[in-house]
Amino acid sequence: MIIGLIGFIDAILVYFFLPDYPDSPPSRRQFLTAEEGAFLVARLPPNSSRSSDADFDWRAVRRELKTPQLCT
């Protein structure tokens, strides 16, 4: 129980403090310069996610949690 709680708290902290993309605003990616971020974005494959993609969708999460494959 306690180990699960520690993992849950850690996941919340990572969600709020870990940068999402190399081209995120500088306040979200303190470890990359603007040039390094542009270089990494240029090297990403065309089908990779970008910071301009749609935000998180809770309806999609609920839909996936209801799939029978999840419970097997």
Foldseek 3Di string as FASTA:
>chain_A
DVVVVVVVVVVVCCVPQAADALCDPCVNPVPDDNVRSVVVVVPDDPPDDDPPDDDDDVVVVVVVVPDPVVVD
